[in-house]
Amino acid sequence: MVNFPDFDAELDTSGLYCPEPIMLMHNRVRDMTSGSILKIIATDPATTRDVPKFCNFLGHELLAQSEEGETYLYFIRLQ
C-alpha cells in the first residue's frame, strides 16, 4: 500500500475528459492558499500528461502520482 500525503482539499474529476479536469484544477487552486495540498481524482488518462505540465507551468509541486486501475490520483502542493 502506498502512503499518500495528507491533503487539505480534494477535487474529483472522474468521468470528465480534457480539458475539463485541468480547468477545474485552475478554479480550485485559486480558492486555496500557498502550501496547501490538493488531491485530484481523475479517470482521464490524459491527466498523466496534463497534471505534471500544469504543475511545471504554474510552479506547483507534484508530490505523488498513482494509477489504480482506471483511476488516477495526484497530490500537488500549491505555490
Protein backbone atom coordinates (compact mmCIF):
# COMPACT_ATOMS: atom_id res chain seq x y z
CA MET A 1 0.00 0.00 0.00
CA VAL A 2 1.27 3.44 -0.95
CA ASN A 3 1.40 6.14 1.71
CA PHE A 4 -0.05 9.32 0.27
CA PRO A 5 0.42 12.75 1.82
CA ASP A 6 -2.27 14.36 3.94
CA PHE A 7 -4.27 16.85 1.91
CA ASP A 8 -6.28 20.00 2.52
CA ALA A 9 -8.81 19.68 -0.30
CA GLU A 10 -10.00 17.10 -2.81
CA LEU A 11 -11.12 17.54 -6.40
CA ASP A 12 -12.90 14.62 -8.08
CA THR A 13 -12.86 14.94 -11.87
CA SER A 14 -13.98 11.34 -12.51
CA GLY A 15 -15.83 10.96 -15.79
CA LEU A 16 -14.50 14.24 -17.21
CA TYR A 17 -12.12 14.49 -20.15
CA CYS A 18 -9.55 17.01 -21.31
CA PRO A 19 -9.65 19.96 -20.89
CA GLU A 20 -12.24 19.84 -18.07
CA PRO A 21 -10.05 18.33 -15.30
CA ILE A 22 -7.38 21.00 -15.79
CA MET A 23 -9.96 23.78 -15.98
CA LEU A 24 -11.46 22.60 -12.67
CA MET A 25 -7.96 22.42 -11.14
CA HIS A 26 -7.31 26.05 -12.17
CA ASN A 27 -10.56 27.12 -10.50
CA ARG A 28 -9.89 25.10 -7.34
CA VAL A 29 -6.32 26.29 -6.74
CA ARG A 30 -7.49 29.92 -6.95
CA ASP A 31 -9.51 29.34 -3.78
CA MET A 32 -6.63 27.70 -1.89
CA THR A 33 -3.63 29.14 -0.07
CA SER A 34 0.03 28.67 -0.84
CA GLY A 35 1.44 25.50 0.72
CA SER A 36 -1.92 23.71 0.71
CA ILE A 37 -2.12 20.21 -0.73
CA LEU A 38 -4.79 19.32 -3.27
CA LYS A 39 -5.76 15.72 -4.02
CA ILE A 40 -7.06 15.19 -7.54
CA ILE A 41 -9.00 12.10 -8.60
CA ALA A 42 -9.28 11.55 -12.35
CA THR A 43 -10.29 8.90 -14.86
CA ASP A 44 -8.93 10.59 -17.98
CA PRO A 45 -5.59 9.01 -19.00
CA ALA A 46 -4.56 12.38 -20.49
CA THR A 47 -4.17 13.69 -16.94
CA THR A 48 -0.92 11.68 -16.66
CA ARG A 49 0.50 14.20 -19.12
CA ASP A 50 -1.60 17.26 -18.24
CA VAL A 51 -1.25 17.37 -14.44
CA PRO A 52 2.59 17.36 -14.44
CA LYS A 53 2.57 20.07 -17.15
CA PHE A 54 0.05 22.08 -15.10
CA CYS A 55 2.39 21.87 -12.08
CA ASN A 56 5.51 22.77 -14.05
CA PHE A 57 3.83 25.71 -15.77
CA LEU A 58 2.38 27.21 -12.58
CA GLY A 59 5.18 26.24 -10.19
CA HIS A 60 3.20 23.79 -8.07
CA GLU A 61 4.91 20.69 -6.66
CA LEU A 62 3.64 17.27 -7.75
CA LEU A 63 4.10 15.32 -4.51
CA ALA A 64 2.65 11.97 -5.60
CA GLN A 65 1.04 10.37 -8.62
CA SER A 66 -0.61 6.96 -8.71
CA GLU A 67 -2.66 4.82 -11.07
CA GLU A 68 -5.14 2.38 -9.52
CA GLY A 69 -6.97 0.57 -12.30
CA GLU A 70 -8.70 3.26 -14.32
CA THR A 71 -8.38 5.87 -11.58
CA TYR A 72 -5.51 8.33 -11.36
CA LEU A 73 -4.57 10.12 -8.15
CA TYR A 74 -2.42 13.23 -7.85
CA PHE A 75 -1.29 15.21 -4.84
CA ILE A 76 0.04 18.69 -5.51
CA ARG A 77 1.41 21.33 -3.13
CA LEU A 78 0.39 24.80 -4.22
CA GLN A 79 2.96 27.51 -4.77
